[in-house]
């Protein structure tokens, strides 16, 4: 059979007849629950919060099937079988948690033993446009094609969802990410989604038009926001927090954007538009020891034309790189726009870089025309420097370990921080038909936060020892 669903009861007595709820919005583990195994092709059904679920191997939601997940439901990815949850083209996943009861997809490993790359992650495939011919998604077998000609395609609803310890490098350049989106259309709802401790990229968009708000990438191995294959959607309010102790051998970046796998002139161009992003990078002070493969706040490559506005990117060793001359041409020609951003680079770091025929002076000239760069002071003086912007120094991962990073940090701006004002939505990009009604243009602050911390209540920044259940 293509689908196998087996129930077995871990214990027969429940401590309570209804769930108590912890601060992180999941059952309080004083009770034990039924564990349900999921494998193969699923049929239309609802996964209920009174049970917990184990993904075994590659689990598919096929064309025509809708799977609904109730708020507060816990789903484990099995490490031994490199499990994945794949929403195929035409399938739908309704994973809409609440602030008080987020949906959690996490490692099946025991408390204290979870690690990045324990399972494969969430893959969402749709029928929106890409700039490749019948592309197949990495890491999935048998092969799955994504993309099409329906930019309004709907792959489901994703809100108040956490994906932890996911993403596997199967072979070089053949990986799964915490959340992978291939040709996902703008009919899909995607907000309040957090990825943490991933084994490859945090979020990766391969083409498509899906929009997103309130996204968090925390302590991933490779890139946080990876944009490819003609992605043309929009993202507003995104947070990146980097763990300085590890990175991918291919170089890890907050933003990594490509038009395609090479520098060929294929359309639609990668023109995804991001506004109000905050990046807490790996080197909060020049004396901080970091993995040498932590590299760029923005690595813009291979004819990409992604746009970034109203954002603050701090503490990567290198600020901005154009890696081909074609990237310079895309920005000088206005296909992509970088405007009204702040780049904070550590003392001894590199503000601008270039490769593949691009010229550093051209990168600098483009950036400084409409953006700001500042140097982070050495040693302890950096704390006051960050506070001047309204950033909280304690939110950098620098002095912590995976066991000690706060599980409920406060990301709201400090009073009187300069980031509290200055946002602008006057650029013509915001008036393009696929963007004009998406962005909240009333916000005054730069970066992802004003006086309200939208991570509060549903995000979990220290999931290593969270007891979702006693197994």
Protein backbone atom coordinates (compact mmCIF):
# COMPACT_ATOMS: atom_id res chain seq x y z
CA UNK A 1 0.00 0.00 0.00
CA UNK A 2 1.12 3.55 -0.67
CA UNK A 3 -0.16 4.66 2.69
CA UNK A 4 0.33 3.00 6.00
CA UNK A 5 -1.19 4.36 9.19
CA UNK A 6 -0.52 2.44 12.38
CA UNK A 7 -1.65 3.31 15.85
CA UNK A 8 0.05 2.17 18.97
CA UNK A 9 -0.35 3.36 22.51
CA UNK A 10 2.76 4.28 24.44
CA UNK A 11 0.92 4.25 27.76
CA UNK A 12 -2.61 3.44 28.79
CA UNK A 13 -3.22 5.96 31.51
CA UNK A 14 -3.48 9.72 31.09
CA UNK A 15 -2.57 11.93 34.00
CA UNK A 16 -5.30 14.36 32.98
CA UNK A 17 -8.41 14.13 30.85
CA UNK A 18 -7.50 17.32 29.03
CA UNK A 19 -4.24 19.02 28.15
CA UNK A 20 -2.60 21.59 30.31
CA UNK A 21 -0.68 24.13 28.28
CA UNK A 22 2.86 25.35 28.85
CA UNK A 23 4.12 28.83 28.02
CA UNK A 24 5.36 27.60 24.64
CA UNK A 25 1.86 26.52 23.66
CA UNK A 26 2.15 22.72 23.75
CA UNK A 27 0.87 20.00 26.12
CA UNK A 28 2.65 20.00 29.46
CA UNK A 29 4.08 16.45 29.39
CA UNK A 30 2.55 15.48 32.69
CA UNK A 31 0.38 13.35 30.45
CA UNK A 32 1.35 10.73 27.92
CA UNK A 33 -0.31 10.54 24.53
CA UNK A 34 -1.08 8.22 21.67
CA UNK A 35 1.66 8.21 19.02
CA UNK A 36 0.58 7.70 15.43
CA UNK A 37 3.00 6.66 12.69
CA UNK A 38 2.67 8.30 9.27
CA UNK A 39 4.37 6.99 6.16
CA UNK A 40 3.90 6.84 2.39
CA UNK A 41 0.99 8.66 0.74
CA UNK A 42 -1.56 10.22 3.08
CA UNK A 43 -5.26 10.57 2.36
CA UNK A 44 -7.50 13.48 3.35
CA UNK A 45 -7.67 13.58 7.14
CA UNK A 46 -7.17 15.73 10.24
CA UNK A 47 -4.26 15.30 12.63
CA UNK A 48 -5.66 16.07 16.07
CA UNK A 49 -3.88 17.59 19.03
CA UNK A 50 -4.87 14.78 21.41
CA UNK A 51 -2.38 12.55 19.60
CA UNK A 52 1.23 12.96 18.54
CA UNK A 53 2.63 11.86 15.20
CA UNK A 54 5.83 10.27 13.90
CA UNK A 55 6.93 10.77 10.30
CA UNK A 56 8.68 7.65 8.98
CA UNK A 57 10.62 8.12 5.77
CA UNK A 58 9.23 10.36 3.05
CA UNK A 59 5.58 11.15 3.71
CA UNK A 60 3.56 12.67 0.86
CA UNK A 61 0.38 14.72 0.64
CA UNK A 62 -0.51 13.90 -2.98
CA UNK A 63 -2.45 15.84 -5.61
CA UNK A 64 -6.07 16.25 -4.53
CA UNK A 65 -5.46 15.43 -0.86
CA UNK A 66 -5.92 17.91 2.00
CA UNK A 67 -4.39 17.22 5.41
CA UNK A 68 -5.37 19.47 8.31
CA UNK A 69 -3.33 19.81 11.50
CA UNK A 70 -5.05 21.10 14.63
CA UNK A 71 -3.46 23.84 16.76
CA UNK A 72 -1.15 22.45 19.43
CA UNK A 73 -0.31 19.27 17.52
CA UNK A 74 3.21 17.83 17.81
CA UNK A 75 4.78 15.99 14.85
CA UNK A 76 8.12 14.21 15.16
CA UNK A 77 10.50 13.52 12.29
CA UNK A 78 12.22 10.16 12.63
CA UNK A 79 16.00 10.40 12.41
CA UNK A 80 16.68 6.81 11.35
CA UNK A 81 14.55 7.08 8.19
CA UNK A 82 15.53 10.68 7.33
CA UNK A 83 11.88 11.57 7.38
CA UNK A 84 10.32 14.33 5.28
CA UNK A 85 6.84 15.78 4.95
CA UNK A 86 6.17 16.69 1.31
CA UNK A 87 3.15 18.61 0.04
CA UNK A 88 3.03 17.61 -3.63
CA UNK A 89 1.67 19.79 -6.43
CA UNK A 90 -2.09 19.87 -6.01
CA UNK A 91 -1.95 18.72 -2.40
CA UNK A 92 -2.79 20.98 0.53
CA UNK A 93 -1.62 21.18 4.11
CA UNK A 94 -3.71 23.27 6.50
CA UNK A 95 -1.30 23.81 9.39
CA UNK A 96 -2.77 26.80 11.16
CA UNK A 97 -1.83 26.96 14.80
CA UNK A 98 -2.46 29.83 17.17
CA UNK A 99 -0.19 32.05 19.22
CA UNK A 100 -1.17 30.10 22.33
CA UNK A 101 -1.05 26.69 20.60
CA UNK A 102 1.51 26.62 17.80
CA UNK A 103 2.00 23.50 15.70
CA UNK A 104 5.45 21.99 16.23
CA UNK A 105 7.41 19.75 13.87
CA UNK A 106 10.54 18.58 15.65
CA UNK A 107 13.12 15.84 16.10
CA UNK A 108 12.13 12.43 17.42
CA UNK A 109 15.36 12.27 19.43
CA UNK A 110 15.21 12.32 23.20
CA UNK A 111 15.23 15.54 25.19
CA UNK A 112 18.78 16.88 25.32
CA UNK A 113 19.91 14.77 22.35
CA UNK A 114 18.29 16.67 19.48
CA UNK A 115 20.61 18.13 16.88
CA UNK A 116 20.45 19.95 13.58
CA UNK A 117 19.75 17.64 10.66
CA UNK A 118 17.88 15.02 12.70
CA UNK A 119 15.16 14.83 10.04
CA UNK A 120 14.45 16.15 6.56
CA UNK A 121 11.96 18.97 7.12
CA UNK A 122 8.91 20.36 5.34
CA UNK A 123 8.77 20.53 1.53
CA UNK A 124 5.95 22.44 -0.19
CA UNK A 125 5.55 22.14 -3.97
CA UNK A 126 3.20 24.15 -6.16
CA UNK A 127 2.30 25.12 -9.72
CA UNK A 128 3.46 28.75 -9.79
CA UNK A 129 6.08 29.94 -12.25
CA UNK A 130 9.80 29.31 -12.02
CA UNK A 131 12.54 30.11 -14.55
CA UNK A 132 13.59 26.48 -15.00
CA UNK A 133 12.09 23.75 -17.20
CA UNK A 134 10.41 21.02 -15.13
CA UNK A 135 12.72 21.42 -12.13
CA UNK A 136 12.79 18.66 -9.54
CA UNK A 137 13.18 19.32 -5.85
CA UNK A 138 16.37 18.27 -4.09
CA UNK A 139 16.38 15.45 -1.58
CA UNK A 140 13.08 13.78 -2.57
CA UNK A 141 12.82 10.29 -4.06
CA UNK A 142 11.09 9.35 -6.29
CA UNK A 143 11.68 12.60 -8.15
CA UNK A 144 9.08 15.33 -7.72
CA UNK A 145 8.62 18.09 -10.31
CA UNK A 146 7.45 21.54 -9.22
CA UNK A 147 6.30 24.75 -10.86
CA UNK A 148 3.82 25.55 -13.63
CA UNK A 149 1.89 28.56 -14.88
CA UNK A 150 -0.55 29.26 -12.03
CA UNK A 151 0.84 32.07 -9.87
CA UNK A 152 -2.35 31.98 -7.76
CA UNK A 153 -1.84 28.32 -6.85
CA UNK A 154 -2.76 27.33 -3.30
CA UNK A 155 -0.73 24.74 -1.36
CA UNK A 156 -2.48 25.37 1.94
CA UNK A 157 -2.20 27.49 5.08
CA UNK A 158 0.80 27.73 7.39
CA UNK A 159 0.63 29.88 10.51
CA UNK A 160 2.07 29.68 14.01
CA UNK A 161 4.22 26.76 12.93
CA UNK A 162 7.67 25.79 14.24
CA UNK A 163 10.06 23.48 12.37
CA UNK A 164 12.99 22.36 14.54
CA UNK A 165 16.19 20.35 13.85
CA UNK A 166 15.29 19.73 10.21
CA UNK A 167 17.28 19.77 6.98
CA UNK A 168 19.77 17.19 5.77
CA UNK A 169 22.73 17.38 3.40
CA UNK A 170 22.35 14.08 1.56
CA UNK A 171 25.28 14.71 -0.80
CA UNK A 172 27.06 17.96 -1.79
CA UNK A 173 24.50 20.31 -3.38
CA UNK A 174 21.69 17.83 -2.67
CA UNK A 175 20.03 18.92 0.54
CA UNK A 176 16.72 19.37 2.21
CA UNK A 177 16.07 22.51 4.24
CA UNK A 178 13.98 23.26 7.29
CA UNK A 179 11.29 24.63 4.95
CA UNK A 180 11.66 24.23 1.18
CA UNK A 181 9.20 25.88 -1.21
CA UNK A 182 9.22 24.97 -4.90
CA UNK A 183 6.91 26.89 -7.22
CA UNK A 184 4.51 27.74 -4.39
CA UNK A 185 1.77 30.16 -5.41
CA UNK A 186 0.48 33.28 -3.74
CA UNK A 187 -2.81 31.58 -2.92
CA UNK A 188 -0.88 29.88 -0.11
CA UNK A 189 -1.03 31.55 3.32
CA UNK A 190 2.38 31.64 5.05
CA UNK A 191 2.82 33.67 8.24
CA UNK A 192 4.34 33.26 11.72
CA UNK A 193 6.64 30.39 10.77
CA UNK A 194 9.84 29.68 12.69
CA UNK A 195 12.72 27.39 11.74
CA UNK A 196 15.51 26.61 14.20
CA UNK A 197 18.68 24.53 14.39
CA UNK A 198 18.35 23.40 10.79
CA UNK A 199 20.92 21.22 9.07
CA UNK A 200 20.99 23.32 5.89
CA UNK A 201 19.09 26.48 4.87
CA UNK A 202 16.31 27.94 6.98
CA UNK A 203 13.83 28.99 4.29
CA UNK A 204 14.50 28.36 0.61
CA UNK A 205 12.28 29.56 -2.21
CA UNK A 206 12.75 27.88 -5.60
CA UNK A 207 10.68 30.17 -7.79
CA UNK A 208 7.02 30.74 -7.04
CA UNK A 209 5.02 33.71 -5.87
CA UNK A 210 4.09 32.88 -2.27
CA UNK A 211 4.16 35.76 0.21
CA UNK A 212 5.19 35.58 3.86
CA UNK A 213 5.18 37.62 7.05
CA UNK A 214 6.65 37.17 10.53
CA UNK A 215 9.32 34.59 9.68
CA UNK A 216 12.15 33.49 12.00
CA UNK A 217 15.36 31.68 11.09
CA UNK A 218 17.35 30.77 14.20
CA UNK A 219 20.70 28.94 14.39
CA UNK A 220 20.64 27.33 10.96
CA UNK A 221 23.66 25.59 9.46
CA UNK A 222 23.72 27.26 6.04
CA UNK A 223 21.81 30.25 4.68
CA UNK A 224 18.83 31.76 6.43
CA UNK A 225 16.88 33.23 3.52
CA UNK A 226 17.80 31.51 0.24
CA UNK A 227 16.06 32.76 -2.91
CA UNK A 228 16.35 31.06 -6.31
CA UNK A 229 14.79 30.12 -9.67
CA UNK A 230 12.77 33.27 -10.27
CA UNK A 231 11.03 33.70 -6.93
CA UNK A 232 8.90 36.85 -7.22
CA UNK A 233 6.89 36.89 -3.99
CA UNK A 234 7.17 39.20 -0.99
CA UNK A 235 8.28 38.92 2.63
CA UNK A 236 7.78 41.49 5.38
CA UNK A 237 8.96 41.20 9.00
CA UNK A 238 11.66 38.53 9.20
CA UNK A 239 14.19 37.80 11.93
CA UNK A 240 17.56 36.05 11.57
CA UNK A 241 19.67 34.97 14.57
CA UNK A 242 22.97 33.25 13.74
CA UNK A 243 24.85 30.80 15.92
CA UNK A 244 28.55 31.73 15.53
CA UNK A 245 29.92 28.28 16.30
CA UNK A 246 29.03 26.54 13.04
CA UNK A 247 28.43 27.18 9.34
CA UNK A 248 28.40 25.33 6.04
CA UNK A 249 31.60 24.71 4.07
CA UNK A 250 29.96 26.47 1.10
CA UNK A 251 29.76 29.71 3.17
CA UNK A 252 26.72 30.66 5.24
CA UNK A 253 24.86 33.91 4.69
CA UNK A 254 21.77 35.68 5.98
CA UNK A 255 20.58 36.34 2.41
CA UNK A 256 21.74 34.19 -0.49
CA UNK A 257 20.04 34.86 -3.82
CA UNK A 258 20.53 33.39 -7.28
CA UNK A 259 18.59 33.66 -10.50
CA UNK A 260 19.43 30.06 -11.33
CA UNK A 261 22.09 27.38 -10.99
CA UNK A 262 24.34 29.36 -13.36
CA UNK A 263 24.60 32.88 -14.81
CA UNK A 264 22.28 32.25 -17.77
CA UNK A 265 19.79 34.98 -18.68
CA UNK A 266 16.51 33.16 -17.90
CA UNK A 267 13.22 34.73 -16.84
CA UNK A 268 11.28 35.41 -14.75
CA UNK A 269 14.17 36.89 -12.82
CA UNK A 270 14.51 36.35 -9.10
CA UNK A 271 12.81 39.56 -7.98
CA UNK A 272 11.47 38.61 -4.56
CA UNK A 273 11.01 41.70 -2.40
CA UNK A 274 11.89 41.76 1.31
CA UNK A 275 11.17 44.58 3.73
CA UNK A 276 11.68 44.99 7.47
CA UNK A 277 14.25 42.28 8.12
CA UNK A 278 16.46 42.20 11.22
CA UNK A 279 19.66 40.15 11.18
CA UNK A 280 21.54 39.39 14.40
CA UNK A 281 24.73 38.02 12.86
CA UNK A 282 27.49 35.84 14.32
CA UNK A 283 30.14 38.43 15.29
CA UNK A 284 28.62 40.95 17.70
CA UNK A 285 32.12 42.24 18.49
CA UNK A 286 35.45 41.96 16.73
CA UNK A 287 36.89 39.70 19.42
CA UNK A 288 34.11 37.12 19.08
CA UNK A 289 35.39 33.77 17.85
CA UNK A 290 33.21 32.44 15.04
CA UNK A 291 33.25 29.64 12.52
CA UNK A 292 35.21 30.92 9.53
CA UNK A 293 32.47 29.88 7.08
CA UNK A 294 30.06 32.52 8.39
CA UNK A 295 30.34 35.07 5.59
CA UNK A 296 27.87 37.59 4.14
CA UNK A 297 24.86 39.52 5.29
CA UNK A 298 23.89 39.53 1.59
CA UNK A 299 25.43 37.32 -1.08
CA UNK A 300 23.77 38.24 -4.37
CA UNK A 301 24.73 35.93 -7.19
CA UNK A 302 24.17 34.77 -10.77
CA UNK A 303 21.98 37.51 -12.23
CA UNK A 304 19.67 37.78 -9.22
CA UNK A 305 17.54 40.90 -8.78
CA UNK A 306 16.07 40.40 -5.30
CA UNK A 307 15.01 43.64 -3.56
CA UNK A 308 15.59 44.51 0.10
CA UNK A 309 14.19 47.56 1.90
CA UNK A 310 13.93 48.99 5.42
CA UNK A 311 16.18 46.36 6.96
CA UNK A 312 19.09 46.18 9.39
CA UNK A 313 21.78 43.54 8.93
CA UNK A 314 24.39 43.31 11.65
CA UNK A 315 27.55 41.43 12.47
CA UNK A 316 28.46 39.27 9.50
CA UNK A 317 32.18 39.48 8.59
CA UNK A 318 31.28 40.63 5.06
CA UNK A 319 28.42 42.99 4.35
CA UNK A 320 27.36 42.85 0.69
CA UNK A 321 28.75 40.88 -2.24
CA UNK A 322 27.81 40.95 -5.93
CA UNK A 323 29.37 37.76 -7.28
CA UNK A 324 28.95 38.37 -11.03
CA UNK A 325 28.93 41.39 -13.30
CA UNK A 326 25.37 40.46 -14.28
CA UNK A 327 24.25 41.17 -10.70
CA UNK A 328 25.70 44.67 -10.90
CA UNK A 329 23.80 45.19 -14.15
CA UNK A 330 20.52 44.04 -12.60
CA UNK A 331 20.79 46.60 -9.81
CA UNK A 332 22.14 49.46 -11.85
CA UNK A 333 19.30 48.83 -14.29
CA UNK A 334 16.65 48.90 -11.55
CA UNK A 335 15.41 45.31 -11.91
CA UNK A 336 16.50 44.77 -8.32
CA UNK A 337 16.59 47.47 -5.63
CA UNK A 338 18.49 47.74 -2.33
CA UNK A 339 17.30 50.85 -0.53
CA UNK A 340 16.89 52.38 2.91
CA UNK A 341 18.82 49.62 4.67
CA UNK A 342 21.46 49.69 7.40
CA UNK A 343 24.52 47.46 7.25
CA UNK A 344 26.57 47.04 10.44
CA UNK A 345 29.96 45.38 9.91
CA UNK A 346 32.41 44.44 12.70
CA UNK A 347 35.73 46.20 13.09
CA UNK A 348 38.17 44.42 10.80
CA UNK A 349 35.39 43.13 8.57
CA UNK A 350 34.75 43.81 4.89
CA UNK A 351 31.91 46.10 3.90
CA UNK A 352 31.73 45.21 0.20
CA UNK A 353 32.98 42.35 -1.94
CA UNK A 354 32.78 41.25 -5.55
CA UNK A 355 33.50 38.26 -7.77
CA UNK A 356 32.98 36.89 -11.26
CA UNK A 357 33.75 40.13 -13.05
CA UNK A 358 31.92 42.40 -10.61
CA UNK A 359 33.96 45.29 -9.18
CA UNK A 360 34.07 46.20 -5.49
CA UNK A 361 33.95 49.93 -6.25
CA UNK A 362 30.70 49.42 -8.19
CA UNK A 363 29.16 47.47 -5.32
CA UNK A 364 30.11 50.23 -2.88
CA UNK A 365 28.84 52.98 -5.16
CA UNK A 366 25.49 51.28 -5.60
CA UNK A 367 24.99 50.56 -1.90
CA UNK A 368 26.08 53.91 -0.50
CA UNK A 369 23.80 55.86 -2.83
CA UNK A 370 20.66 54.76 -0.97
CA UNK A 371 21.75 52.79 2.10
CA UNK A 372 23.90 53.24 5.22
CA UNK A 373 26.95 51.34 6.46
CA UNK A 374 28.52 51.65 9.92
CA UNK A 375 31.39 49.90 11.69
CA UNK A 376 30.69 48.06 14.93
CA UNK A 377 33.23 49.15 17.58
CA UNK A 378 35.59 46.61 19.07
CA UNK A 379 34.97 44.81 22.36
CA UNK A 380 32.52 46.08 24.99
CA UNK A 381 31.79 49.36 23.23
CA UNK A 382 29.69 47.43 20.75
CA UNK A 383 26.86 47.00 23.28
CA UNK A 384 26.18 50.72 23.50
CA UNK A 385 26.55 50.96 19.73
CA UNK A 386 23.74 48.44 19.20
CA UNK A 387 21.56 50.07 21.85
CA UNK A 388 21.81 53.32 19.94
CA UNK A 389 19.95 51.66 17.09
CA UNK A 390 17.47 50.08 19.49
CA UNK A 391 18.93 46.58 19.11
CA UNK A 392 19.33 44.51 22.26
CA UNK A 393 22.92 43.17 22.59
CA UNK A 394 21.71 40.19 24.60
CA UNK A 395 19.87 38.86 21.53
CA UNK A 396 23.08 38.05 19.69
CA UNK A 397 23.94 34.37 20.06
CA UNK A 398 27.62 35.22 20.70
CA UNK A 399 28.06 34.54 24.44
CA UNK A 400 25.58 31.66 24.63
CA UNK A 401 25.53 27.92 23.95
CA UNK A 402 22.59 25.96 22.57
CA UNK A 403 21.67 25.18 26.17
CA UNK A 404 21.82 28.77 27.43
CA UNK A 405 20.33 31.01 24.71
CA UNK A 406 17.20 32.54 26.28
CA UNK A 407 13.99 30.74 25.39
CA UNK A 408 11.96 33.95 25.53
CA UNK A 409 14.16 36.85 24.35
CA UNK A 410 12.68 40.29 23.80
CA UNK A 411 13.21 41.62 20.27
CA UNK A 412 11.21 44.83 20.57
CA UNK A 413 13.22 48.00 19.98
CA UNK A 414 14.76 49.76 22.94
CA UNK A 415 13.32 53.18 23.68
CA UNK A 416 14.85 56.01 21.67
CA UNK A 417 16.61 53.67 19.24
CA UNK A 418 17.18 55.20 15.82
CA UNK A 419 15.53 52.26 14.04
CA UNK A 420 12.15 53.37 15.40
CA UNK A 421 11.65 55.71 12.46
CA UNK A 422 12.71 56.14 8.88
CA UNK A 423 10.95 53.33 7.01
CA UNK A 424 9.93 54.25 3.48
CA UNK A 425 7.62 52.57 0.99
CA UNK A 426 7.88 55.18 -1.73
CA UNK A 427 9.96 53.08 -4.12
CA UNK A 428 8.15 52.04 -7.30
CA UNK A 429 8.66 48.37 -6.39
CA UNK A 430 5.92 48.68 -3.79
CA UNK A 431 3.44 49.75 -6.47
CA UNK A 432 3.93 46.72 -8.68
CA UNK A 433 0.67 44.75 -9.06
CA UNK A 434 1.87 41.74 -7.08
CA UNK A 435 3.15 43.91 -4.21
CA UNK A 436 0.95 46.95 -3.76
CA UNK A 437 -1.59 45.30 -1.45
CA UNK A 438 0.77 43.04 0.47
CA UNK A 439 3.05 45.30 2.49
CA UNK A 440 2.02 47.10 5.65
CA UNK A 441 3.15 50.56 4.58
CA UNK A 442 2.08 52.25 7.79
CA UNK A 443 5.01 51.00 9.88
CA UNK A 444 7.60 53.63 10.72
CA UNK A 445 10.39 51.39 11.99
CA UNK A 446 13.27 49.82 10.12
CA UNK A 447 13.97 46.19 10.78
CA UNK A 448 11.45 43.58 11.85
CA UNK A 449 10.31 45.12 15.13
CA UNK A 450 8.91 48.26 16.61
CA UNK A 451 7.64 48.47 20.17
CA UNK A 452 5.96 45.04 19.95
CA UNK A 453 7.79 41.72 19.92
CA UNK A 454 5.72 39.53 17.59
CA UNK A 455 7.77 36.42 18.52
CA UNK A 456 6.34 36.45 22.03
CA UNK A 457 4.11 33.56 23.04
CA UNK A 458 4.64 31.15 20.14
CA UNK A 459 8.36 31.09 19.25
CA UNK A 460 10.87 28.83 21.02
CA UNK A 461 14.54 29.81 20.88
CA UNK A 462 15.88 27.02 23.11
CA UNK A 463 14.09 23.81 22.06
CA UNK A 464 16.84 21.35 23.01
CA UNK A 465 15.33 20.46 26.37
CA UNK A 466 11.66 21.13 25.74
CA UNK A 467 9.70 18.07 26.85
CA UNK A 468 6.96 17.79 24.26
CA UNK A 469 6.26 14.33 25.66
CA UNK A 470 7.93 11.62 27.70
CA UNK A 471 8.80 8.86 25.30
